[in-house]
C-alpha cells in the first residue's frame, strides 16, 4: 500500500464518521425521521417520502 491508499482510506473514514455524528446528533435532538427533508414539519402528517416516523 502506498500513501495514496492511506489518504483514500482516511477520507472515507472521515466521511463515514461525519455521517454517523450527524445521525447521532439528529436522533439525540428528538427527530424521528432524519431523512425527511421537511424535518417532520410538513402539513400532510408525514414526509411523503415513505417515512412513517413523522406522523403527528
Protein backbone atom coordinates (compact mmCIF):
# COMPACT_ATOMS: atom_id res chain seq x y z
CA UNK A 1 0.00 0.00 0.00
CA UNK A 2 1.26 3.42 -0.83
CA UNK A 3 0.38 6.83 0.61
CA UNK A 4 -2.50 7.38 -1.84
CA UNK A 5 -4.28 4.33 -0.45
CA UNK A 6 -3.93 5.67 3.09
CA UNK A 7 -5.29 9.08 2.04
CA UNK A 8 -8.31 7.48 0.39
CA UNK A 9 -8.98 5.25 3.42
CA UNK A 10 -8.65 8.23 5.76
CA UNK A 11 -11.02 10.30 3.62
CA UNK A 12 -13.64 7.55 3.58
CA UNK A 13 -13.27 7.13 7.35
CA UNK A 14 -13.77 10.87 7.93
CA UNK A 15 -16.87 10.97 5.73
CA UNK A 16 -18.34 7.92 7.49
CA UNK A 17 -17.55 9.44 10.88
CA UNK A 18 -19.27 12.70 9.98
CA UNK A 19 -22.34 10.82 8.74
CA UNK A 20 -22.55 8.82 11.97
CA UNK A 21 -22.13 12.02 14.00
CA UNK A 22 -24.94 13.75 12.08
CA UNK A 23 -27.28 10.79 12.59
CA UNK A 24 -26.46 10.65 16.29
CA UNK A 25 -26.97 14.40 16.70
CA UNK A 26 -30.34 14.29 14.89
CA UNK A 27 -31.59 11.36 16.92
CA UNK A 28 -30.43 12.97 20.17
CA UNK A 29 -32.32 16.18 19.33
CA UNK A 30 -35.53 14.16 19.03
CA UNK A 31 -36.05 13.94 15.29
CA UNK A 32 -37.91 10.78 14.41
CA UNK A 33 -37.38 10.86 10.65
CA UNK A 34 -33.93 12.22 9.92
CA UNK A 35 -34.23 11.55 6.20
CA UNK A 36 -37.29 13.78 5.90
CA UNK A 37 -36.48 16.98 4.02
CA UNK A 38 -39.30 18.78 5.88
CA UNK A 39 -37.90 17.63 9.22
CA UNK A 40 -41.31 16.27 10.23
CA UNK A 41 -42.87 19.69 9.90
CA UNK A 42 -44.96 19.04 6.81
CA UNK A 43 -48.71 19.59 6.96
CA UNK A 44 -49.63 16.23 5.44
CA UNK A 45 -48.84 14.30 8.61
CA UNK A 46 -45.87 12.51 7.13
CA UNK A 47 -42.97 13.50 4.96
CA UNK A 48 -44.41 11.86 1.85
CA UNK A 49 -41.20 10.02 1.18
CA UNK A 50 -42.36 6.75 2.65
CA UNK A 51 -41.28 7.64 6.16
CA UNK A 52 -43.85 6.72 8.78
CA UNK A 53 -41.89 8.21 11.69
CA UNK A 54 -43.17 11.72 11.00
CA UNK A 55 -46.82 11.08 11.79
CA UNK A 56 -48.24 13.76 14.05
